[in-house]
Amino acid sequence: MKIFATKFIYNGQEYVGPDIHTDTMENARIIAEGQGYELTGELTDIFDLDFNHRPRVIH
């Protein structure tokens, strides 16, 4: 299962749309177009940007 990102335009402003979970980009494109979203790409990496605020444990 892959995750695909979408976007949409409302009142002239661009917004991030919902993620689509499916196996292929073609399926994601069909789902996005059917819901009125534009497919922007596939999510390949996730980064945790809040790692500096966690308490450190030193053993």
PDB file of N, CA and C in Angstrom:
ATOM      1  N   MET A   1       0.845  -1.172   0.000  1.00  0.00           N
ATOM      2  CA  MET A   1       0.000   0.000   0.000  1.00  0.00           C
ATOM      3  C   MET A   1       0.893   1.240   0.000  1.00  0.00           C
ATOM      4  N   LYS A   2       0.580   2.183  -0.850  1.00  0.00           N
ATOM      5  CA  LYS A   2       1.327   3.436  -0.950  1.00  0.00           C
ATOM      6  C   LYS A   2       0.425   4.592  -0.530  1.00  0.00           C
ATOM      7  N   ILE A   3       1.047   5.732  -0.228  1.00  0.00           N
ATOM      8  CA  ILE A   3       0.308   6.930   0.160  1.00  0.00           C
ATOM      9  C   ILE A   3       0.587   8.018  -0.867  1.00  0.00           C
ATOM     10  N   PHE A   4      -0.480   8.626  -1.375  1.00  0.00           N
ATOM     11  CA  PHE A   4      -0.365   9.670  -2.381  1.00  0.00           C
ATOM     12  C   PHE A   4      -0.950  10.967  -1.838  1.00  0.00           C
ATOM     13  N   ALA A   5      -0.262  12.076  -2.111  1.00  0.00           N
ATOM     14  CA  ALA A   5      -0.688  13.395  -1.647  1.00  0.00           C
ATOM     15  C   ALA A   5      -1.541  14.070  -2.713  1.00  0.00           C
ATOM     16  N   THR A   6      -2.480  14.903  -2.251  1.00  0.00           N
ATOM     17  CA  THR A   6      -3.349  15.632  -3.164  1.00  0.00           C
ATOM     18  C   THR A   6      -3.413  17.105  -2.769  1.00  0.00           C
ATOM     19  N   LYS A   7      -4.010  17.901  -3.646  1.00  0.00           N
ATOM     20  CA  LYS A   7      -4.277  19.307  -3.343  1.00  0.00           C
ATOM     21  C   LYS A   7      -5.584  19.691  -4.015  1.00  0.00           C
ATOM     22  N   PHE A   8      -6.150  20.818  -3.568  1.00  0.00           N
ATOM     23  CA  PHE A   8      -7.351  21.339  -4.209  1.00  0.00           C
ATOM     24  C   PHE A   8      -7.359  22.853  -4.083  1.00  0.00           C
ATOM     25  N   ILE A   9      -8.163  23.501  -4.906  1.00  0.00           N
ATOM     26  CA  ILE A   9      -8.269  24.960  -4.897  1.00  0.00           C
ATOM     27  C   ILE A   9      -9.690  25.326  -4.490  1.00  0.00           C
ATOM     28  N   TYR A  10      -9.795  26.216  -3.500  1.00  0.00           N
ATOM     29  CA  TYR A  10     -11.082  26.691  -3.018  1.00  0.00           C
ATOM     30  C   TYR A  10     -11.029  28.205  -2.910  1.00  0.00           C
ATOM     31  N   ASN A  11     -11.930  28.876  -3.579  1.00  0.00           N
ATOM     32  CA  ASN A  11     -11.970  30.347  -3.602  1.00  0.00           C
ATOM     33  C   ASN A  11     -10.631  30.947  -4.013  1.00  0.00           C
ATOM     34  N   GLY A  12      -9.977  30.327  -4.981  1.00  0.00           N
ATOM     35  CA  GLY A  12      -8.714  30.841  -5.492  1.00  0.00           C
ATOM     36  C   GLY A  12      -7.505  30.536  -4.629  1.00  0.00           C
ATOM     37  N   GLN A  13      -7.690  29.865  -3.505  1.00  0.00           N
ATOM     38  CA  GLN A  13      -6.596  29.524  -2.589  1.00  0.00           C
ATOM     39  C   GLN A  13      -6.302  28.027  -2.691  1.00  0.00           C
ATOM     40  N   GLU A  14      -5.030  27.668  -2.766  1.00  0.00           N
ATOM     41  CA  GLU A  14      -4.630  26.262  -2.865  1.00  0.00           C
ATOM     42  C   GLU A  14      -4.459  25.672  -1.469  1.00  0.00           C
ATOM     43  N   TYR A  15      -5.014  24.467  -1.263  1.00  0.00           N
ATOM     44  CA  TYR A  15      -4.946  23.776   0.022  1.00  0.00           C
ATOM     45  C   TYR A  15      -4.408  22.363  -0.172  1.00  0.00           C
ATOM     46  N   VAL A  16      -3.840  21.816   0.883  1.00  0.00           N
ATOM     47  CA  VAL A  16      -3.414  20.418   0.880  1.00  0.00           C
ATOM     48  C   VAL A  16      -4.660  19.558   1.011  1.00  0.00           C
ATOM     49  N   GLY A  17      -4.773  18.567   0.154  1.00  0.00           N
ATOM     50  CA  GLY A  17      -5.925  17.677   0.191  1.00  0.00           C
ATOM     51  C   GLY A  17      -5.650  16.447   1.039  1.00  0.00           C
ATOM     52  N   PRO A  18      -6.607  15.544   1.084  1.00  0.00           N
ATOM     53  CA  PRO A  18      -6.428  14.317   1.862  1.00  0.00           C
ATOM     54  C   PRO A  18      -5.430  13.372   1.192  1.00  0.00           C
ATOM     55  N   ASP A  19      -4.833  12.510   1.991  1.00  0.00           N
ATOM     56  CA  ASP A  19      -3.956  11.474   1.455  1.00  0.00           C
ATOM     57  C   ASP A  19      -4.812  10.339   0.904  1.00  0.00           C
ATOM     58  N   ILE A  20      -4.328   9.722  -0.153  1.00  0.00           N
ATOM     59  CA  ILE A  20      -5.010   8.578  -0.758  1.00  0.00           C
ATOM     60  C   ILE A  20      -4.127   7.355  -0.567  1.00  0.00           C
ATOM     61  N   HIS A  21      -4.694   6.298   0.000  1.00  0.00           N
ATOM     62  CA  HIS A  21      -3.969   5.054   0.250  1.00  0.00           C
ATOM     63  C   HIS A  21      -4.420   4.020  -0.781  1.00  0.00           C
ATOM     64  N   THR A  22      -3.514   3.647  -1.673  1.00  0.00           N
ATOM     65  CA  THR A  22      -3.819   2.658  -2.708  1.00  0.00           C
ATOM     66  C   THR A  22      -2.512   2.057  -3.223  1.00  0.00           C
ATOM     67  N   ASP A  23      -2.613   1.069  -4.090  1.00  0.00           N
ATOM     68  CA  ASP A  23      -1.424   0.347  -4.551  1.00  0.00           C
ATOM     69  C   ASP A  23      -0.701   0.993  -5.728  1.00  0.00           C
ATOM     70  N   THR A  24      -1.416   1.719  -6.575  1.00  0.00           N
ATOM     71  CA  THR A  24      -0.780   2.267  -7.771  1.00  0.00           C
ATOM     72  C   THR A  24      -1.106   3.747  -7.952  1.00  0.00           C
ATOM     73  N   MET A  25      -0.244   4.434  -8.687  1.00  0.00           N
ATOM     74  CA  MET A  25      -0.473   5.847  -8.977  1.00  0.00           C
ATOM     75  C   MET A  25      -1.709   6.012  -9.864  1.00  0.00           C
ATOM     76  N   GLU A  26      -1.949   5.081 -10.756  1.00  0.00           N
ATOM     77  CA  GLU A  26      -3.125   5.177 -11.630  1.00  0.00           C
ATOM     78  C   GLU A  26      -4.415   5.113 -10.814  1.00  0.00           C
ATOM     79  N   ASN A  27      -4.481   4.210  -9.836  1.00  0.00           N
ATOM     80  CA  ASN A  27      -5.655   4.153  -8.957  1.00  0.00           C
ATOM     81  C   ASN A  27      -5.802   5.448  -8.174  1.00  0.00           C
ATOM     82  N   ALA A  28      -4.695   5.992  -7.685  1.00  0.00           N
ATOM     83  CA  ALA A  28      -4.729   7.248  -6.939  1.00  0.00           C
ATOM     84  C   ALA A  28      -5.227   8.383  -7.821  1.00  0.00           C
ATOM     85  N   ARG A  29      -4.793   8.414  -9.061  1.00  0.00           N
ATOM     86  CA  ARG A  29      -5.221   9.460  -9.999  1.00  0.00           C
ATOM     87  C   ARG A  29      -6.733   9.381 -10.250  1.00  0.00           C
ATOM     88  N   ILE A  30      -7.244   8.173 -10.412  1.00  0.00           N
ATOM     89  CA  ILE A  30      -8.680   7.980 -10.639  1.00  0.00           C
ATOM     90  C   ILE A  30      -9.478   8.435  -9.419  1.00  0.00           C
ATOM     91  N   ILE A  31      -9.033   8.050  -8.230  1.00  0.00           N
ATOM     92  CA  ILE A  31      -9.720   8.447  -6.997  1.00  0.00           C
ATOM     93  C   ILE A  31      -9.681   9.960  -6.824  1.00  0.00           C
ATOM     94  N   ALA A  32      -8.513  10.558  -7.029  1.00  0.00           N
ATOM     95  CA  ALA A  32      -8.360  12.008  -6.858  1.00  0.00           C
ATOM     96  C   ALA A  32      -9.264  12.769  -7.823  1.00  0.00           C
ATOM     97  N   GLU A  33      -9.255  12.399  -9.078  1.00  0.00           N
ATOM     98  CA  GLU A  33     -10.084  13.086 -10.068  1.00  0.00           C
ATOM     99  C   GLU A  33     -11.568  12.918  -9.766  1.00  0.00           C
ATOM    100  N   GLY A  34     -11.954  11.746  -9.286  1.00  0.00           N
ATOM    101  CA  GLY A  34     -13.354  11.497  -8.944  1.00  0.00           C
ATOM    102  C   GLY A  34     -13.834  12.341  -7.778  1.00  0.00           C
ATOM    103  N   GLN A  35     -12.918  12.735  -6.901  1.00  0.00           N
ATOM    104  CA  GLN A  35     -13.264  13.543  -5.734  1.00  0.00           C
ATOM    105  C   GLN A  35     -12.979  15.028  -5.932  1.00  0.00           C
ATOM    106  N   GLY A  36     -12.440  15.392  -7.087  1.00  0.00           N
ATOM    107  CA  GLY A  36     -12.160  16.797  -7.366  1.00  0.00           C
ATOM    108  C   GLY A  36     -10.821  17.287  -6.846  1.00  0.00           C
ATOM    109  N   TYR A  37      -9.884  16.366  -6.603  1.00  0.00           N
ATOM    110  CA  TYR A  37      -8.550  16.727  -6.130  1.00  0.00           C
ATOM    111  C   TYR A  37      -7.533  16.559  -7.248  1.00  0.00           C
ATOM    112  N   GLU A  38      -6.390  17.197  -7.077  1.00  0.00           N
ATOM    113  CA  GLU A  38      -5.283  17.028  -8.013  1.00  0.00           C
ATOM    114  C   GLU A  38      -4.195  16.217  -7.314  1.00  0.00           C
ATOM    115  N   LEU A  39      -3.733  15.174  -7.947  1.00  0.00           N
ATOM    116  CA  LEU A  39      -2.682  14.333  -7.386  1.00  0.00           C
ATOM    117  C   LEU A  39      -1.351  15.072  -7.481  1.00  0.00           C
ATOM    118  N   THR A  40      -0.624  15.185  -6.352  1.00  0.00           N
ATOM    119  CA  THR A  40       0.638  15.921  -6.367  1.00  0.00           C
ATOM    120  C   THR A  40       1.855  15.020  -6.260  1.00  0.00           C
ATOM    121  N   GLY A  41       1.703  13.789  -5.791  1.00  0.00           N
ATOM    122  CA  GLY A  41       2.852  12.897  -5.732  1.00  0.00           C
ATOM    123  C   GLY A  41       2.684  11.788  -4.716  1.00  0.00           C
ATOM    124  N   GLU A  42       3.724  10.981  -4.611  1.00  0.00           N
ATOM    125  CA  GLU A  42       3.731   9.845  -3.696  1.00  0.00           C
ATOM    126  C   GLU A  42       4.569  10.177  -2.471  1.00  0.00           C
ATOM    127  N   LEU A  43       4.049   9.840  -1.298  1.00  0.00           N
ATOM    128  CA  LEU A  43       4.786  10.024  -0.058  1.00  0.00           C
ATOM    129  C   LEU A  43       5.790   8.881   0.068  1.00  0.00           C
ATOM    130  N   THR A  44       7.077   9.225   0.122  1.00  0.00           N
ATOM    131  CA  THR A  44       8.106   8.187   0.174  1.00  0.00           C
ATOM    132  C   THR A  44       8.866   8.168   1.490  1.00  0.00           C
ATOM    133  N   ASP A  45       8.955   9.304   2.181  1.00  0.00           N
ATOM    134  CA  ASP A  45       9.692   9.388   3.443  1.00  0.00           C
ATOM    135  C   ASP A  45       8.892  10.193   4.455  1.00  0.00           C
ATOM    136  N   ILE A  46       9.050   9.839   5.724  1.00  0.00           N
ATOM    137  CA  ILE A  46       8.424  10.593   6.808  1.00  0.00           C
ATOM    138  C   ILE A  46       9.531  11.015   7.762  1.00  0.00           C
ATOM    139  N   PHE A  47       9.584  12.304   8.053  1.00  0.00           N
ATOM    140  CA  PHE A  47      10.600  12.842   8.949  1.00  0.00           C
ATOM    141  C   PHE A  47       9.932  13.413  10.187  1.00  0.00           C
ATOM    142  N   ASP A  48      10.460  13.101  11.345  1.00  0.00           N
ATOM    143  CA  ASP A  48       9.979  13.658  12.603  1.00  0.00           C
ATOM    144  C   ASP A  48      10.800  14.903  12.895  1.00  0.00           C
ATOM    145  N   LEU A  49      10.202  16.064  12.754  1.00  0.00           N
ATOM    146  CA  LEU A  49      10.928  17.315  12.941  1.00  0.00           C
ATOM    147  C   LEU A  49      10.894  17.803  14.382  1.00  0.00           C
ATOM    148  N   ASP A  50      10.249  17.072  15.275  1.00  0.00           N
ATOM    149  CA  ASP A  50      10.120  17.489  16.666  1.00  0.00           C
ATOM    150  C   ASP A  50      11.058  16.698  17.583  1.00  0.00           C
ATOM    151  N   PHE A  51      12.125  16.156  17.046  1.00  0.00           N
ATOM    152  CA  PHE A  51      13.000  15.303  17.844  1.00  0.00           C
ATOM    153  C   PHE A  51      13.795  16.067  18.887  1.00  0.00           C
ATOM    154  N   ASN A  52      13.984  17.371  18.759  1.00  0.00           N
ATOM    155  CA  ASN A  52      14.761  18.141  19.736  1.00  0.00           C
ATOM    156  C   ASN A  52      13.992  18.420  21.014  1.00  0.00           C
ATOM    157  N   HIS A  53      12.688  18.279  21.013  1.00  0.00           N
ATOM    158  CA  HIS A  53      11.878  18.623  22.172  1.00  0.00           C
ATOM    159  C   HIS A  53      11.561  17.414  23.049  1.00  0.00           C
ATOM    160  N   ARG A  54      12.000  16.275  22.675  1.00  0.00           N
ATOM    161  CA  ARG A  54      11.749  15.081  23.485  1.00  0.00           C
ATOM    162  C   ARG A  54      12.793  14.974  24.586  1.00  0.00           C
ATOM    163  N   PRO A  55      12.379  14.470  25.747  1.00  0.00           N
ATOM    164  CA  PRO A  55      13.376  14.281  26.811  1.00  0.00           C
ATOM    165  C   PRO A  55      14.400  13.216  26.411  1.00  0.00           C
ATOM    166  N   ARG A  56      15.643  13.493  26.690  1.00  0.00           N
ATOM    167  CA  ARG A  56      16.708  12.544  26.351  1.00  0.00           C
ATOM    168  C   ARG A  56      16.951  11.598  27.516  1.00  0.00           C
ATOM    169  N   VAL A  57      17.148  10.350  27.182  1.00  0.00           N
ATOM    170  CA  VAL A  57      17.478   9.338  28.179  1.00  0.00           C
ATOM    171  C   VAL A  57      18.897   8.887  27.891  1.00  0.00           C
ATOM    172  N   ILE A  58      19.779   9.087  28.858  1.00  0.00           N
ATOM    173  CA  ILE A  58      21.171   8.678  28.698  1.00  0.00           C
ATOM    174  C   ILE A  58      21.415   7.499  29.625  1.00  0.00           C
ATOM    175  N   HIS A  59      21.870   6.399  29.049  1.00  0.00           N
ATOM    176  CA  HIS A  59      22.109   5.185  29.835  1.00  0.00           C
ATOM    177  C   HIS A  59      23.575   5.041  30.149  1.00  0.00           C
TER     178      HIS A  59
END
